[in-house]
Amino acid sequence: MGEVLEGAVVVETTRELPSRGLLLDFIGREQTEIARGSGDDRRVYRASAELVAWRLSLQGETTVPPGTHRFPFRFQLPRETLPSYQGPHASVKYVLSARLDVPLWLDTTWSGEVFLFYDRPSVRTFTQPVRFRSGGEGPEVYVELDGDRHFARELIGCRITLTRLGGARVRRVYVRLTGGEWARADGAEETTTTFRHEVSIPMELIRVGVPFEFEIGIPAEVSSCYHGRYSYASFVLQVGLDIAWATDIVAQTPIVIVR
């Protein structure tokens, strides 16, 4: 996002064609859809927010002669808008459309989806270290991350320290990355887990009180985090202690992932 989109609309005609103009539209929308009930009681709730609606006139009213004609265009994509997204109940979609307005006849049209993503250098610029712990009076897990912003296909490096285990029997340490989507439409709300990846670390590889390093991979297919008017997508990184005959001890933090 923030880049310049360049291209050309090509019009081909075998005969002279009157036209009221050639228009280029760029439309972006955030949409949510939530279903409740089934059968005759099924209701579908929808909400929509317009993110961008631009129209460019590439040619005014004229007569198009026979042949092939190119009409170049160039515009900057909005830097502050949302990345493209498709989830269980929410979507962010951008469509580029061209229309040749032909009087007393069907207009000639074309449309295609444009995929927007965060500018990676700017995302990395604002990353900052993260330190978080489980807290409480018993066993504790303390985690350090070099940054709070990561990209798909990267490894998240963690430095993990276990303290105050006492007599607790810790069977394993697990690192879990979870992605979720929240959507709202006409008063209905839905929270959905969209991604979950967990890796276990055997306790025999860990020394209590000594930091150890661990990495968990981010798959290529994850979607970018975003926060819209009716929906958002987010990720949480959890480091947990699987304790025998007791509740797990978990330290967690939200992180930003960009595709």
C-alpha atoms as a PDB file:
ATOM      1  CA  MET A   1       0.000   0.000   0.000  1.00  0.00           C
ATOM      2  CA  GLY A   2       1.147   3.505  -0.760  1.00  0.00           C
ATOM      3  CA  GLU A   3       2.627   2.362  -4.070  1.00  0.00           C
ATOM      4  CA  VAL A   4       1.703   3.764  -7.473  1.00  0.00           C
ATOM      5  CA  LEU A   5      -0.552   1.574  -9.623  1.00  0.00           C
ATOM      6  CA  GLU A   6       0.136   1.971 -13.331  1.00  0.00           C
ATOM      7  CA  GLY A   7      -1.495   0.358 -16.321  1.00  0.00           C
ATOM      8  CA  ALA A   8      -3.500   0.945 -19.446  1.00  0.00           C
ATOM      9  CA  VAL A   9      -7.015   0.270 -20.640  1.00  0.00           C
ATOM     10  CA  VAL A  10      -7.026  -1.169 -24.175  1.00  0.00           C
ATOM     11  CA  VAL A  11     -10.082  -0.597 -26.359  1.00  0.00           C
ATOM     12  CA  GLU A  12     -10.431  -2.598 -29.587  1.00  0.00           C
ATOM     13  CA  THR A  13     -13.184  -1.901 -32.109  1.00  0.00           C
ATOM     14  CA  THR A  14     -13.764  -3.037 -35.687  1.00  0.00           C
ATOM     15  CA  ARG A  15     -15.905  -0.046 -36.586  1.00  0.00           C
ATOM     16  CA  GLU A  16     -16.395   3.571 -35.698  1.00  0.00           C
ATOM     17  CA  LEU A  17     -18.072   3.708 -32.278  1.00  0.00           C
ATOM     18  CA  PRO A  18     -19.744   6.667 -30.559  1.00  0.00           C
ATOM     19  CA  SER A  19     -18.925   6.928 -26.840  1.00  0.00           C
ATOM     20  CA  ARG A  20     -19.982   9.107 -23.932  1.00  0.00           C
ATOM     21  CA  GLY A  21     -16.623   8.444 -22.281  1.00  0.00           C
ATOM     22  CA  LEU A  22     -14.194   5.879 -20.879  1.00  0.00           C
ATOM     23  CA  LEU A  23     -14.251   5.580 -17.060  1.00  0.00           C
ATOM     24  CA  LEU A  24     -11.963   3.784 -14.610  1.00  0.00           C
ATOM     25  CA  ASP A  25     -13.292   2.966 -11.109  1.00  0.00           C
ATOM     26  CA  PHE A  26     -11.297   1.785  -8.083  1.00  0.00           C
ATOM     27  CA  ILE A  27     -13.562   0.526  -5.276  1.00  0.00           C
ATOM     28  CA  GLY A  28     -12.527  -0.908  -1.886  1.00  0.00           C
ATOM     29  CA  ARG A  29     -14.963  -2.351   0.666  1.00  0.00           C
ATOM     30  CA  GLU A  30     -14.842  -4.071   4.028  1.00  0.00           C
ATOM     31  CA  GLN A  31     -17.748  -6.529   4.322  1.00  0.00           C
ATOM     32  CA  THR A  32     -19.003  -8.903   7.008  1.00  0.00           C
ATOM     33  CA  GLU A  33     -21.618 -11.661   6.840  1.00  0.00           C
ATOM     34  CA  ILE A  34     -22.835 -13.694   9.837  1.00  0.00           C
ATOM     35  CA  ALA A  35     -25.490 -16.423   9.667  1.00  0.00           C
ATOM     36  CA  ARG A  36     -27.675 -17.465  12.596  1.00  0.00           C
ATOM     37  CA  GLY A  37     -30.122 -20.378  12.856  1.00  0.00           C
ATOM     38  CA  SER A  38     -31.021 -22.894  10.161  1.00  0.00           C
ATOM     39  CA  GLY A  39     -33.877 -23.743   7.818  1.00  0.00           C
ATOM     40  CA  ASP A  40     -36.798 -21.328   7.967  1.00  0.00           C
ATOM     41  CA  ASP A  41     -35.255 -19.668  11.029  1.00  0.00           C
ATOM     42  CA  ARG A  42     -31.983 -18.893   9.288  1.00  0.00           C
ATOM     43  CA  ARG A  43     -31.047 -15.219   9.212  1.00  0.00           C
ATOM     44  CA  VAL A  44     -28.016 -13.625   7.589  1.00  0.00           C
ATOM     45  CA  TYR A  45     -26.630 -10.366   8.985  1.00  0.00           C
ATOM     46  CA  ARG A  46     -24.484  -8.170   6.758  1.00  0.00           C
ATOM     47  CA  ALA A  47     -22.483  -4.969   7.147  1.00  0.00           C
ATOM     48  CA  SER A  48     -20.332  -3.000   4.732  1.00  0.00           C
ATOM     49  CA  ALA A  49     -17.981  -0.022   4.871  1.00  0.00           C
ATOM     50  CA  GLU A  50     -16.596   1.758   1.841  1.00  0.00           C
ATOM     51  CA  LEU A  51     -12.820   2.185   2.125  1.00  0.00           C
ATOM     52  CA  VAL A  52     -12.091   3.946  -1.142  1.00  0.00           C
ATOM     53  CA  ALA A  53     -14.171   4.958  -4.177  1.00  0.00           C
ATOM     54  CA  TRP A  54     -12.261   6.677  -6.950  1.00  0.00           C
ATOM     55  CA  ARG A  55     -13.308   7.395 -10.536  1.00  0.00           C
ATOM     56  CA  LEU A  56     -10.949   8.524 -13.307  1.00  0.00           C
ATOM     57  CA  SER A  57     -12.114   9.751 -16.692  1.00  0.00           C
ATOM     58  CA  LEU A  58      -9.693   8.422 -19.307  1.00  0.00           C
ATOM     59  CA  GLN A  59     -11.566   9.901 -22.277  1.00  0.00           C
ATOM     60  CA  GLY A  60     -14.512  12.254 -22.704  1.00  0.00           C
ATOM     61  CA  GLU A  61     -17.410  12.089 -25.151  1.00  0.00           C
ATOM     62  CA  THR A  62     -16.096  11.282 -28.612  1.00  0.00           C
ATOM     63  CA  THR A  63     -16.221   8.859 -31.519  1.00  0.00           C
ATOM     64  CA  VAL A  64     -13.753   5.991 -31.260  1.00  0.00           C
ATOM     65  CA  PRO A  65     -12.274   5.090 -34.665  1.00  0.00           C
ATOM     66  CA  PRO A  66     -11.677   1.453 -35.679  1.00  0.00           C
ATOM     67  CA  GLY A  67      -8.517  -0.158 -34.326  1.00  0.00           C
ATOM     68  CA  THR A  68      -6.700  -0.693 -31.034  1.00  0.00           C
ATOM     69  CA  HIS A  69      -6.394   2.223 -28.605  1.00  0.00           C
ATOM     70  CA  ARG A  70      -4.434   2.407 -25.325  1.00  0.00           C
ATOM     71  CA  PHE A  71      -5.407   4.722 -22.488  1.00  0.00           C
ATOM     72  CA  PRO A  72      -2.702   4.749 -19.755  1.00  0.00           C
ATOM     73  CA  PHE A  73      -3.547   5.502 -16.135  1.00  0.00           C
ATOM     74  CA  ARG A  74      -1.540   6.079 -12.993  1.00  0.00           C
ATOM     75  CA  PHE A  75      -2.624   6.672  -9.384  1.00  0.00           C
ATOM     76  CA  GLN A  76      -1.242   6.156  -5.875  1.00  0.00           C
ATOM     77  CA  LEU A  77      -2.840   3.512  -3.680  1.00  0.00           C
ATOM     78  CA  PRO A  78      -4.062   4.767  -0.278  1.00  0.00           C
ATOM     79  CA  ARG A  79      -1.375   4.317   2.378  1.00  0.00           C
ATOM     80  CA  GLU A  80      -3.800   4.331   5.319  1.00  0.00           C
ATOM     81  CA  THR A  81      -6.314   1.793   4.067  1.00  0.00           C
ATOM     82  CA  LEU A  82      -6.675  -1.917   4.993  1.00  0.00           C
ATOM     83  CA  PRO A  83      -4.869  -4.868   3.397  1.00  0.00           C
ATOM     84  CA  SER A  84      -6.790  -7.348   1.275  1.00  0.00           C
ATOM     85  CA  TYR A  85      -8.374 -10.071   3.404  1.00  0.00           C
ATOM     86  CA  GLN A  86     -10.735 -13.048   3.037  1.00  0.00           C
ATOM     87  CA  GLY A  87     -11.896 -14.865   6.169  1.00  0.00           C
ATOM     88  CA  PRO A  88     -14.834 -16.924   7.457  1.00  0.00           C
ATOM     89  CA  HIS A  89     -17.077 -13.896   8.137  1.00  0.00           C
ATOM     90  CA  ALA A  90     -15.162 -10.861   6.897  1.00  0.00           C
ATOM     91  CA  SER A  91     -13.474  -9.639   3.752  1.00  0.00           C
ATOM     92  CA  VAL A  92     -11.569  -6.612   2.485  1.00  0.00           C
ATOM     93  CA  LYS A  93     -11.664  -6.420  -1.297  1.00  0.00           C
ATOM     94  CA  TYR A  94     -10.515  -3.953  -3.964  1.00  0.00           C
ATOM     95  CA  VAL A  95     -11.833  -3.992  -7.539  1.00  0.00           C
ATOM     96  CA  LEU A  96     -10.583  -2.064 -10.560  1.00  0.00           C
ATOM     97  CA  SER A  97     -13.195  -1.612 -13.326  1.00  0.00           C
ATOM     98  CA  ALA A  98     -13.204   0.026 -16.744  1.00  0.00           C
ATOM     99  CA  ARG A  99     -16.334   0.996 -18.671  1.00  0.00           C
ATOM    100  CA  LEU A 100     -16.782   2.376 -22.176  1.00  0.00           C
ATOM    101  CA  ASP A 101     -20.142   4.187 -22.150  1.00  0.00           C
ATOM    102  CA  VAL A 102     -21.805   3.379 -25.488  1.00  0.00           C
ATOM    103  CA  PRO A 103     -25.098   5.210 -26.161  1.00  0.00           C
ATOM    104  CA  LEU A 104     -28.123   3.105 -27.150  1.00  0.00           C
ATOM    105  CA  TRP A 105     -26.097  -0.081 -26.721  1.00  0.00           C
ATOM    106  CA  LEU A 106     -24.616  -2.298 -24.025  1.00  0.00           C
ATOM    107  CA  ASP A 107     -21.590  -0.715 -22.356  1.00  0.00           C
ATOM    108  CA  THR A 108     -18.268  -2.482 -22.772  1.00  0.00           C
ATOM    109  CA  THR A 109     -16.882  -3.340 -19.308  1.00  0.00           C
ATOM    110  CA  TRP A 110     -13.973  -5.098 -17.599  1.00  0.00           C
ATOM    111  CA  SER A 111     -13.213  -5.620 -13.913  1.00  0.00           C
ATOM    112  CA  GLY A 112     -10.578  -7.398 -11.841  1.00  0.00           C
ATOM    113  CA  GLU A 113      -9.524  -7.670  -8.212  1.00  0.00           C
ATOM    114  CA  VAL A 114      -6.470  -5.769  -6.979  1.00  0.00           C
ATOM    115  CA  PHE A 115      -4.670  -7.181  -3.923  1.00  0.00           C
ATOM    116  CA  LEU A 116      -3.248  -4.665  -1.442  1.00  0.00           C
ATOM    117  CA  PHE A 117      -0.581  -5.474   1.148  1.00  0.00           C
ATOM    118  CA  TYR A 118       1.328  -3.493   3.764  1.00  0.00           C
ATOM    119  CA  ASP A 119       4.555  -1.831   2.724  1.00  0.00           C
ATOM    120  CA  ARG A 120       7.139  -4.106   4.360  1.00  0.00           C
ATOM    121  CA  PRO A 121       9.921  -1.560   5.002  1.00  0.00           C
ATOM    122  CA  SER A 122       7.517   0.757   6.844  1.00  0.00           C
ATOM    123  CA  VAL A 123       6.188  -2.119   8.968  1.00  0.00           C
ATOM    124  CA  ARG A 124       9.681  -3.154  10.016  1.00  0.00           C
ATOM    125  CA  THR A 125      10.585   0.456  10.879  1.00  0.00           C
ATOM    126  CA  PHE A 126       8.087   0.548  13.749  1.00  0.00           C
ATOM    127  CA  THR A 127       8.864  -2.824  15.309  1.00  0.00           C
ATOM    128  CA  GLN A 128       9.954  -2.848  18.951  1.00  0.00           C
ATOM    129  CA  PRO A 129      11.183  -5.479  21.472  1.00  0.00           C
ATOM    130  CA  VAL A 130       8.613  -7.372  23.540  1.00  0.00           C
ATOM    131  CA  ARG A 131       9.009  -8.742  27.056  1.00  0.00           C
ATOM    132  CA  PHE A 132       6.187 -10.655  28.747  1.00  0.00           C
ATOM    133  CA  ARG A 133       5.703 -13.158  31.569  1.00  0.00           C
ATOM    134  CA  SER A 134       3.023 -15.390  33.033  1.00  0.00           C
ATOM    135  CA  GLY A 135       3.036 -13.809  36.515  1.00  0.00           C
ATOM    136  CA  GLY A 136       1.434 -15.338  39.603  1.00  0.00           C
ATOM    137  CA  GLU A 137       2.997 -16.851  42.723  1.00  0.00           C
ATOM    138  CA  GLY A 138       3.956 -20.279  41.403  1.00  0.00           C
ATOM    139  CA  PRO A 139       5.977 -21.406  38.390  1.00  0.00           C
ATOM    140  CA  GLU A 140       6.736 -18.620  35.947  1.00  0.00           C
ATOM    141  CA  VAL A 141       7.652 -18.388  32.264  1.00  0.00           C
ATOM    142  CA  TYR A 142       9.394 -15.240  30.994  1.00  0.00           C
ATOM    143  CA  VAL A 143       9.679 -14.565  27.244  1.00  0.00           C
ATOM    144  CA  GLU A 144      11.696 -12.073  25.192  1.00  0.00           C
ATOM    145  CA  LEU A 145      11.110 -11.259  21.503  1.00  0.00           C
ATOM    146  CA  ASP A 146      13.335  -9.025  19.384  1.00  0.00           C
ATOM    147  CA  GLY A 147      10.276  -7.403  17.764  1.00  0.00           C
ATOM    148  CA  ASP A 148       6.499  -7.280  17.802  1.00  0.00           C
ATOM    149  CA  ARG A 149       6.066  -7.248  13.997  1.00  0.00           C
ATOM    150  CA  HIS A 150       6.781 -10.200  11.743  1.00  0.00           C
ATOM    151  CA  PHE A 151       6.271 -11.352   8.170  1.00  0.00           C
ATOM    152  CA  ALA A 152       4.839 -14.541   6.699  1.00  0.00           C
ATOM    153  CA  ARG A 153       7.497 -17.198   5.993  1.00  0.00           C
ATOM    154  CA  GLU A 154       9.696 -15.832   8.803  1.00  0.00           C
ATOM    155  CA  LEU A 155      10.791 -17.451  12.052  1.00  0.00           C
ATOM    156  CA  ILE A 156       9.786 -15.838  15.343  1.00  0.00           C
ATOM    157  CA  GLY A 157      12.762 -16.101  17.666  1.00  0.00           C
ATOM    158  CA  CYS A 158      11.994 -16.429  21.397  1.00  0.00           C
ATOM    159  CA  ARG A 159      14.232 -16.403  24.468  1.00  0.00           C
ATOM    160  CA  ILE A 160      12.403 -18.333  27.169  1.00  0.00           C
ATOM    161  CA  THR A 161      13.307 -18.550  30.864  1.00  0.00           C
ATOM    162  CA  LEU A 162      11.568 -20.812  33.392  1.00  0.00           C
ATOM    163  CA  THR A 163      11.724 -19.912  37.076  1.00  0.00           C
ATOM    164  CA  ARG A 164      10.172 -20.882  40.428  1.00  0.00           C
ATOM    165  CA  LEU A 165       9.208 -24.378  39.343  1.00  0.00           C
ATOM    166  CA  GLY A 166       9.529 -25.761  42.887  1.00  0.00           C
ATOM    167  CA  GLY A 167       8.041 -29.235  43.006  1.00  0.00           C
ATOM    168  CA  ALA A 168       5.844 -28.754  39.948  1.00  0.00           C
ATOM    169  CA  ARG A 169       6.223 -31.482  37.351  1.00  0.00           C
ATOM    170  CA  VAL A 170       6.465 -29.726  33.973  1.00  0.00           C
ATOM    171  CA  ARG A 171       5.994 -32.243  31.180  1.00  0.00           C
ATOM    172  CA  ARG A 172       6.786 -29.898  28.304  1.00  0.00           C
ATOM    173  CA  VAL A 173       6.951 -26.281  27.173  1.00  0.00           C
ATOM    174  CA  TYR A 174       4.843 -25.360  24.167  1.00  0.00           C
ATOM    175  CA  VAL A 175       4.918 -22.337  21.880  1.00  0.00           C
ATOM    176  CA  ARG A 176       1.586 -21.631  20.203  1.00  0.00           C
ATOM    177  CA  LEU A 177       0.748 -19.101  17.497  1.00  0.00           C
ATOM    178  CA  THR A 178      -2.972 -18.437  17.106  1.00  0.00           C
ATOM    179  CA  GLY A 179      -4.771 -16.251  14.582  1.00  0.00           C
ATOM    180  CA  GLY A 180      -8.325 -15.030  15.029  1.00  0.00           C
ATOM    181  CA  GLU A 181     -10.999 -13.027  13.252  1.00  0.00           C
ATOM    182  CA  TRP A 182     -13.699 -10.889  14.867  1.00  0.00           C
ATOM    183  CA  ALA A 183     -16.666  -9.716  12.816  1.00  0.00           C
ATOM    184  CA  ARG A 184     -19.814  -7.711  13.538  1.00  0.00           C
ATOM    185  CA  ALA A 185     -22.890  -7.269  11.349  1.00  0.00           C
ATOM    186  CA  ASP A 186     -26.178  -5.635  12.326  1.00  0.00           C
ATOM    187  CA  GLY A 187     -25.752  -6.428  16.032  1.00  0.00           C
ATOM    188  CA  ALA A 188     -24.512 -10.015  15.539  1.00  0.00           C
ATOM    189  CA  GLU A 189     -20.897 -10.810  16.459  1.00  0.00           C
ATOM    190  CA  GLU A 190     -18.668 -13.766  15.636  1.00  0.00           C
ATOM    191  CA  THR A 191     -15.169 -14.690  16.823  1.00  0.00           C
ATOM    192  CA  THR A 192     -13.397 -17.401  14.840  1.00  0.00           C
ATOM    193  CA  THR A 193      -9.994 -19.048  15.171  1.00  0.00           C
ATOM    194  CA  THR A 194      -8.465 -18.871  11.698  1.00  0.00           C
ATOM    195  CA  PHE A 195      -5.015 -20.302  12.358  1.00  0.00           C
ATOM    196  CA  ARG A 196      -3.261 -22.368  15.015  1.00  0.00           C
ATOM    197  CA  HIS A 197       0.289 -23.681  15.055  1.00  0.00           C
ATOM    198  CA  GLU A 198       1.922 -25.287  18.093  1.00  0.00           C
ATOM    199  CA  VAL A 199       5.411 -26.670  18.718  1.00  0.00           C
ATOM    200  CA  SER A 200       6.493 -28.589  21.834  1.00  0.00           C
ATOM    201  CA  ILE A 201       9.844 -28.480  23.624  1.00  0.00           C
ATOM    202  CA  PRO A 202      10.737 -31.482  25.856  1.00  0.00           C
ATOM    203  CA  MET A 203      11.763 -30.508  29.389  1.00  0.00           C
ATOM    204  CA  GLU A 204      14.991 -32.511  29.174  1.00  0.00           C
ATOM    205  CA  LEU A 205      16.295 -29.860  26.764  1.00  0.00           C
ATOM    206  CA  ILE A 206      15.714 -27.023  29.235  1.00  0.00           C
ATOM    207  CA  ARG A 207      17.661 -25.818  32.270  1.00  0.00           C
ATOM    208  CA  VAL A 208      15.560 -23.980  34.840  1.00  0.00           C
ATOM    209  CA  GLY A 209      16.636 -20.362  35.345  1.00  0.00           C
ATOM    210  CA  VAL A 210      18.768 -20.315  32.170  1.00  0.00           C
ATOM    211  CA  PRO A 211      17.381 -18.603  29.038  1.00  0.00           C
ATOM    212  CA  PHE A 212      17.064 -20.854  26.013  1.00  0.00           C
ATOM    213  CA  GLU A 213      16.282 -19.843  22.447  1.00  0.00           C
ATOM    214  CA  PHE A 214      13.512 -21.246  20.318  1.00  0.00           C
ATOM    215  CA  GLU A 215      11.985 -20.443  16.923  1.00  0.00           C
ATOM    216  CA  ILE A 216       8.487 -20.975  15.563  1.00  0.00           C
ATOM    217  CA  GLY A 217       7.754 -20.555  11.863  1.00  0.00           C
ATOM    218  CA  ILE A 218       5.043 -18.411  10.301  1.00  0.00           C
ATOM    219  CA  PRO A 219       3.421 -20.119   7.286  1.00  0.00           C
ATOM    220  CA  ALA A 220       3.218 -18.302   3.952  1.00  0.00           C
ATOM    221  CA  GLU A 221      -0.575 -18.499   3.736  1.00  0.00           C
ATOM    222  CA  VAL A 222      -1.435 -16.453   6.840  1.00  0.00           C
ATOM    223  CA  SER A 223      -3.366 -13.196   6.342  1.00  0.00           C
ATOM    224  CA  SER A 224      -2.161  -9.798   7.514  1.00  0.00           C
ATOM    225  CA  CYS A 225      -3.427  -8.271  10.724  1.00  0.00           C
ATOM    226  CA  TYR A 226      -5.837  -5.379  10.273  1.00  0.00           C
ATOM    227  CA  HIS A 227      -8.451  -3.423  12.208  1.00  0.00           C
ATOM    228  CA  GLY A 228     -11.497  -2.215  10.316  1.00  0.00           C
ATOM    229  CA  ARG A 229     -14.882  -0.754  11.126  1.00  0.00           C
ATOM    230  CA  TYR A 230     -16.771  -4.049  11.346  1.00  0.00           C
ATOM    231  CA  SER A 231     -13.978  -6.617  11.665  1.00  0.00           C
ATOM    232  CA  TYR A 232     -10.388  -7.253  12.588  1.00  0.00           C
ATOM    233  CA  ALA A 233      -7.784 -10.005  12.312  1.00  0.00           C
ATOM    234  CA  SER A 234      -5.091 -10.520  14.947  1.00  0.00           C
ATOM    235  CA  PHE A 235      -2.485 -12.973  16.252  1.00  0.00           C
ATOM    236  CA  VAL A 236      -1.437 -14.052  19.737  1.00  0.00           C
ATOM    237  CA  LEU A 237       1.831 -15.769  20.688  1.00  0.00           C
ATOM    238  CA  GLN A 238       1.596 -18.015  23.757  1.00  0.00           C
ATOM    239  CA  VAL A 239       4.337 -19.816  25.670  1.00  0.00           C
ATOM    240  CA  GLY A 240       2.919 -22.345  28.110  1.00  0.00           C
ATOM    241  CA  LEU A 241       4.019 -24.862  30.728  1.00  0.00           C
ATOM    242  CA  ASP A 242       2.173 -28.186  30.601  1.00  0.00           C
ATOM    243  CA  ILE A 243       2.088 -29.081  34.314  1.00  0.00           C
ATOM    244  CA  ALA A 244       0.997 -32.530  35.449  1.00  0.00           C
ATOM    245  CA  TRP A 245      -2.224 -32.550  37.527  1.00  0.00           C
ATOM    246  CA  ALA A 246      -2.499 -28.747  37.407  1.00  0.00           C
ATOM    247  CA  THR A 247      -3.608 -25.878  35.198  1.00  0.00           C
ATOM    248  CA  ASP A 248      -1.150 -24.811  32.527  1.00  0.00           C
ATOM    249  CA  ILE A 249       0.921 -21.691  33.170  1.00  0.00           C
ATOM    250  CA  VAL A 250       0.742 -19.423  30.110  1.00  0.00           C
ATOM    251  CA  ALA A 251       2.477 -16.179  29.071  1.00  0.00           C
ATOM    252  CA  GLN A 252       1.040 -14.493  26.000  1.00  0.00           C
ATOM    253  CA  THR A 253       1.282 -11.340  23.920  1.00  0.00           C
ATOM    254  CA  PRO A 254      -0.386  -9.970  20.775  1.00  0.00           C
ATOM    255  CA  ILE A 255       1.921  -9.623  17.772  1.00  0.00           C
ATOM    256  CA  VAL A 256       1.526  -8.132  14.318  1.00  0.00           C
ATOM    257  CA  ILE A 257       1.965 -10.422  11.312  1.00  0.00           C
ATOM    258  CA  VAL A 258       2.106  -9.055   7.777  1.00  0.00           C
ATOM    259  CA  ARG A 259       1.757 -11.212   4.709  1.00  0.00           C
END
